[in-house]
Protein backbone atom coordinates (compact mmCIF):
# COMPACT_ATOMS: atom_id res chain seq x y z
CA UNK A 1 -48.40 305.13 -130.68
CA UNK A 2 -48.56 301.62 -132.14
CA UNK A 3 -48.85 298.69 -129.72
CA UNK A 4 -45.50 297.90 -128.19
CA UNK A 5 -43.96 301.25 -129.12
CA UNK A 6 -43.05 302.30 -125.61
CA UNK A 7 -42.17 305.84 -124.66
CA UNK A 8 -41.55 307.86 -121.53
CA UNK A 9 -44.65 308.97 -119.59
CA UNK A 10 -43.53 312.60 -119.52
CA UNK A 11 -44.14 314.73 -122.66
CA UNK A 12 -40.55 315.91 -123.23
CA UNK A 13 -38.10 313.31 -121.93
CA UNK A 14 -34.44 314.19 -121.83
CA UNK A 15 -32.31 312.45 -124.44
CA UNK A 16 -28.63 311.61 -124.59
CA UNK A 17 -26.00 311.06 -121.96
CA UNK A 18 -24.74 307.99 -120.14
CA UNK A 19 -26.45 305.86 -117.51
CA UNK A 20 -23.94 304.32 -115.07
CA UNK A 21 -25.22 301.27 -113.19
CA UNK A 22 -23.46 299.45 -110.33
CA UNK A 23 -24.26 295.76 -109.90
CA UNK A 24 -23.15 292.11 -110.01
CA UNK A 25 -22.38 292.28 -113.72
CA UNK A 26 -20.20 289.25 -114.30
CA UNK A 27 -20.90 286.52 -116.85
CA UNK A 28 -19.53 282.97 -117.20
CA UNK A 29 -19.85 283.18 -121.02
CA UNK A 30 -22.11 284.77 -123.67
CA UNK A 31 -24.85 282.18 -124.26
CA UNK A 32 -28.09 283.21 -122.55
CA UNK A 33 -29.63 279.75 -122.97
CA UNK A 34 -26.69 278.09 -121.29
CA UNK A 35 -26.65 280.28 -118.20
CA UNK A 36 -25.13 283.62 -119.22
CA UNK A 37 -26.28 286.57 -117.11
CA UNK A 38 -29.43 288.11 -118.57
CA UNK A 39 -29.13 291.33 -116.55
CA UNK A 40 -25.95 292.07 -118.54
CA UNK A 41 -26.55 290.71 -122.03
CA UNK A 42 -30.33 291.09 -122.42
CA UNK A 43 -29.87 294.79 -123.24
CA UNK A 44 -28.72 293.64 -126.69
CA UNK A 45 -31.66 291.40 -127.50
CA UNK A 46 -35.41 291.29 -128.02
CA UNK A 47 -38.05 288.60 -127.60
CA UNK A 48 -41.33 288.01 -129.36
CA UNK A 49 -43.26 289.60 -126.49
CA UNK A 50 -42.41 291.43 -123.29
CA UNK A 51 -43.94 292.89 -120.13
CA UNK A 52 -45.09 296.50 -120.15
CA UNK A 53 -42.88 298.51 -117.75
CA UNK A 54 -45.36 301.41 -117.77
CA UNK A 55 -48.04 299.44 -115.90
CA UNK A 56 -45.85 297.62 -113.41
CA UNK A 57 -45.19 294.64 -115.71
CA UNK A 58 -48.80 293.50 -115.54
CA UNK A 59 -49.51 293.42 -119.27
CA UNK A 60 -47.92 291.37 -122.05
CA UNK A 61 -47.23 293.58 -125.07
CA UNK A 62 -45.62 293.14 -128.51
CA UNK A 63 -41.87 293.15 -129.01
CA UNK A 64 -40.49 291.54 -132.18
CA UNK A 65 -43.98 290.17 -132.80
CA UNK A 66 -46.33 293.03 -133.54
CA UNK A 67 -49.43 290.88 -132.98
CA UNK A 68 -50.53 287.28 -132.47
CA UNK A 69 -53.57 285.06 -132.78
CA UNK A 70 -54.57 282.08 -130.62
CA UNK A 71 -56.59 279.17 -131.98
CA UNK A 72 -59.93 278.37 -130.30
CA UNK A 73 -58.48 275.20 -128.75
CA UNK A 74 -55.56 277.17 -127.27
CA UNK A 75 -52.97 274.95 -128.94
CA UNK A 76 -51.76 277.14 -131.83
CA UNK A 77 -50.20 280.60 -131.53
CA UNK A 78 -49.48 282.50 -134.74
CA UNK A 79 -47.17 285.49 -134.46
CA UNK A 80 -46.88 288.22 -137.08
CA UNK A 81 -43.39 289.71 -136.90
CA UNK A 82 -42.31 293.29 -137.40
CA UNK A 83 -40.98 294.11 -140.85
CA UNK A 84 -37.62 295.81 -141.52
CA UNK A 85 -36.09 294.82 -138.16
CA UNK A 86 -32.35 294.20 -138.40
CA UNK A 87 -29.74 292.60 -136.20
CA UNK A 88 -26.85 294.78 -135.09
CA UNK A 89 -24.67 293.47 -137.94
CA UNK A 90 -27.26 294.57 -140.52
CA UNK A 91 -28.74 291.11 -141.14
CA UNK A 92 -32.54 291.27 -141.62
CA UNK A 93 -34.62 289.61 -138.92
CA UNK A 94 -37.16 286.99 -140.05
CA UNK A 95 -39.21 284.01 -138.92
CA UNK A 96 -36.23 281.73 -139.68
CA UNK A 97 -34.38 283.31 -136.75
CA UNK A 98 -37.27 282.45 -134.43
CA UNK A 99 -37.32 278.85 -135.63
CA UNK A 100 -33.54 278.52 -135.23
CA UNK A 101 -33.68 279.99 -131.72
CA UNK A 102 -36.36 277.55 -130.58
CA UNK A 103 -34.46 274.70 -132.20
CA UNK A 104 -31.59 275.67 -129.92
CA UNK A 105 -33.92 275.74 -126.91
CA UNK A 106 -35.94 272.59 -127.56
CA UNK A 107 -33.50 270.37 -129.49
CA UNK A 108 -29.93 271.47 -128.72
CA UNK A 109 -27.13 269.40 -130.28
CA UNK A 110 -24.99 267.14 -128.07
CA UNK A 111 -22.79 269.13 -125.72
CA UNK A 112 -25.03 272.23 -125.79
CA UNK A 113 -27.16 272.86 -122.73
CA UNK A 114 -30.64 274.41 -122.69
CA UNK A 115 -31.91 275.44 -119.28
CA UNK A 116 -35.33 276.34 -120.77
CA UNK A 117 -35.88 273.03 -122.56
CA UNK A 118 -37.97 271.46 -119.80
CA UNK A 119 -39.87 274.66 -119.02
CA UNK A 120 -40.93 275.05 -122.66
CA UNK A 121 -41.57 271.33 -123.22
CA UNK A 122 -45.31 271.89 -123.99
CA UNK A 123 -44.18 273.28 -127.38
CA UNK A 124 -44.57 270.56 -130.02
CA UNK A 125 -43.20 272.42 -133.04
CA UNK A 126 -42.30 275.86 -134.35
CA UNK A 127 -42.85 276.64 -138.04
CA UNK A 128 -42.06 279.58 -140.30
CA UNK A 129 -45.10 279.92 -142.54
CA UNK A 130 -43.64 282.91 -144.39
CA UNK A 131 -40.85 285.45 -143.87
CA UNK A 132 -42.75 287.37 -141.20
CA UNK A 133 -45.06 284.73 -139.73
CA UNK A 134 -44.19 282.00 -137.26
CA UNK A 135 -46.53 279.39 -135.81
CA UNK A 136 -46.16 277.59 -132.48
CA UNK A 137 -48.08 274.36 -132.07
CA UNK A 138 -48.43 273.17 -128.48
CA UNK A 139 -48.90 269.60 -127.30
CA UNK A 140 -51.87 270.79 -125.26
CA UNK A 141 -53.48 274.08 -124.28
CA UNK A 142 -51.05 275.87 -121.97
CA UNK A 143 -52.29 279.12 -120.44
CA UNK A 144 -48.88 280.42 -119.23
CA UNK A 145 -47.29 280.18 -122.71
CA UNK A 146 -47.07 283.92 -123.39
CA UNK A 147 -45.98 284.55 -119.81
CA UNK A 148 -43.05 282.16 -120.30
CA UNK A 149 -42.09 283.94 -123.53
CA UNK A 150 -41.68 287.18 -121.57
CA UNK A 151 -39.30 285.51 -119.13
CA UNK A 152 -41.90 285.62 -116.38
CA UNK A 153 -40.96 287.22 -113.08
CA UNK A 154 -37.38 285.92 -113.13
CA UNK A 155 -35.00 288.77 -114.02
CA UNK A 156 -32.27 286.22 -114.75
CA UNK A 157 -34.39 284.48 -117.38
CA UNK A 158 -35.36 285.79 -120.79
CA UNK A 159 -36.56 284.29 -124.05
CA UNK A 160 -34.71 286.30 -126.67
CA UNK A 161 -34.20 285.69 -130.38
CA UNK A 162 -30.74 284.92 -131.73
CA UNK A 163 -29.81 285.22 -135.42
CA UNK A 164 -29.99 281.97 -137.38
CA UNK A 165 -26.68 282.80 -139.05
CA UNK A 166 -24.75 283.00 -135.77
CA UNK A 167 -26.41 279.85 -134.44
CA UNK A 168 -25.60 277.75 -137.48
CA UNK A 169 -22.05 279.07 -137.83
CA UNK A 170 -21.33 278.13 -134.21
CA UNK A 171 -23.26 274.85 -134.07
CA UNK A 172 -25.81 276.44 -131.71
CA UNK A 173 -23.17 277.05 -129.03
CA UNK A 174 -22.72 280.78 -128.34
CA UNK A 175 -20.70 280.58 -125.14
CA UNK A 176 -17.67 282.11 -126.84
CA UNK A 177 -19.56 284.31 -129.31
CA UNK A 178 -21.15 287.71 -128.75
CA UNK A 179 -23.98 287.17 -131.24
CA UNK A 180 -25.65 290.32 -132.62
CA UNK A 181 -29.10 291.14 -131.35
CA UNK A 182 -32.04 293.32 -132.37
CA UNK A 183 -32.26 295.11 -129.03
CA UNK A 184 -31.96 298.76 -128.02
CA UNK A 185 -28.23 298.61 -127.22
CA UNK A 186 -25.17 297.41 -129.14
CA UNK A 187 -22.10 295.95 -127.47
CA UNK A 188 -19.02 298.20 -127.47
CA UNK A 189 -16.55 297.03 -124.84
CA UNK A 190 -15.97 294.80 -121.82
CA UNK A 191 -13.18 295.08 -119.26
CA UNK A 192 -13.19 291.95 -117.12
CA UNK A 193 -14.10 292.60 -113.47
CA UNK A 194 -14.49 296.31 -114.27
CA UNK A 195 -17.32 297.30 -116.60
CA UNK A 196 -19.42 296.73 -119.70
CA UNK A 197 -20.20 299.44 -122.25
CA UNK A 198 -23.19 299.42 -124.62
CA UNK A 199 -24.15 302.09 -127.15
CA UNK A 200 -27.58 303.13 -128.34
CA UNK A 201 -28.77 301.14 -131.36
CA UNK A 202 -29.64 303.86 -133.92
CA UNK A 203 -31.58 301.30 -135.97
CA UNK A 204 -33.73 299.95 -133.15
CA UNK A 205 -37.24 299.13 -134.40
CA UNK A 206 -38.82 301.50 -131.87
CA UNK A 207 -37.51 304.90 -133.04
CA UNK A 208 -38.43 306.53 -129.71
CA UNK A 209 -35.99 304.37 -127.74
CA UNK A 210 -33.59 304.23 -126.10
CA UNK A 211 -33.30 307.73 -124.67
CA UNK A 212 -29.72 307.45 -123.46
CA UNK A 213 -26.67 307.22 -125.74
CA UNK A 214 -24.53 304.94 -123.59
CA UNK A 215 -25.11 302.32 -120.92
CA UNK A 216 -22.23 301.50 -118.58
CA UNK A 217 -22.51 298.53 -116.21
CA UNK A 218 -19.91 298.66 -113.44
CA UNK A 219 -18.94 295.36 -111.85
CA UNK A 220 -19.37 295.84 -108.08
CA UNK A 221 -19.53 292.48 -106.24
CA UNK A 222 -20.34 293.79 -102.74
CA UNK A 223 -23.87 295.10 -102.16
CA UNK A 224 -22.73 297.80 -99.74
CA UNK A 225 -20.19 299.04 -102.29
CA UNK A 226 -22.93 299.37 -104.91
CA UNK A 227 -24.91 301.74 -102.70
CA UNK A 228 -21.76 303.65 -101.89
CA UNK A 229 -21.06 304.06 -105.61
CA UNK A 230 -24.42 305.76 -106.05
CA UNK A 231 -24.08 307.93 -102.93
CA UNK A 232 -20.64 309.12 -104.01
CA UNK A 233 -21.64 309.86 -107.59
CA UNK A 234 -19.64 307.05 -109.19
CA UNK A 235 -22.85 305.45 -110.43
CA UNK A 236 -26.33 306.76 -111.15
CA UNK A 237 -28.32 303.68 -110.21
CA UNK A 238 -28.10 300.28 -108.54
CA UNK A 239 -30.69 297.48 -108.95
CA UNK A 240 -29.86 295.89 -105.58
CA UNK A 241 -27.89 297.12 -102.62
CA UNK A 242 -27.65 296.60 -98.88
CA UNK A 243 -30.07 297.88 -96.24
CA UNK A 244 -27.01 298.73 -94.17
CA UNK A 245 -26.78 301.99 -96.06
């Protein structure tokens, strides 16, 4: 397997079916950089790098960037992006999307918030050197840079890449727009206060994933009710429930 091409640890994993998850799956809007809920929307998107779930999230591995180089002084990171990746609407992914995304993060227009702006302030500039290469120049050497690009240990934070087209068409404000992603799942439906439905992305860059066909996120506000949903067969999994059960 190529670096970053994750797969199940067992030799013959089961494919297909629906995974039903019970959790606090409500969102104030759709813009992840203005406070939308990552544990709902991040299924649609990818970042440059990610944590490896097969080793307990200890290792940083490729995602949209298939490899990267770091300058000797630690101030320049050059990422080589995967070729032939497409957003869910069929638009090709390129370095211009990375630049536009970090423009949104670091220099949002008036009226657009960016909760990662201060955290990523060591970034001086982001440049597209060709269609599949993007260069980050830091103000100073910053050891946690790649860690921050993975979202770190905060499950509510993620550094994903939005399409340049959607950003420019909406003046970098995606609160009311479900922008297409490059991630393993595509948005299908949302019933407010009930559930979200995502379908497998057949054009995901990692052909091995995802294994399931459909992901259903059931909105269950009370922690005890989430555990009950699993125990009664209404859901298959819950990320957080009450010890009372």
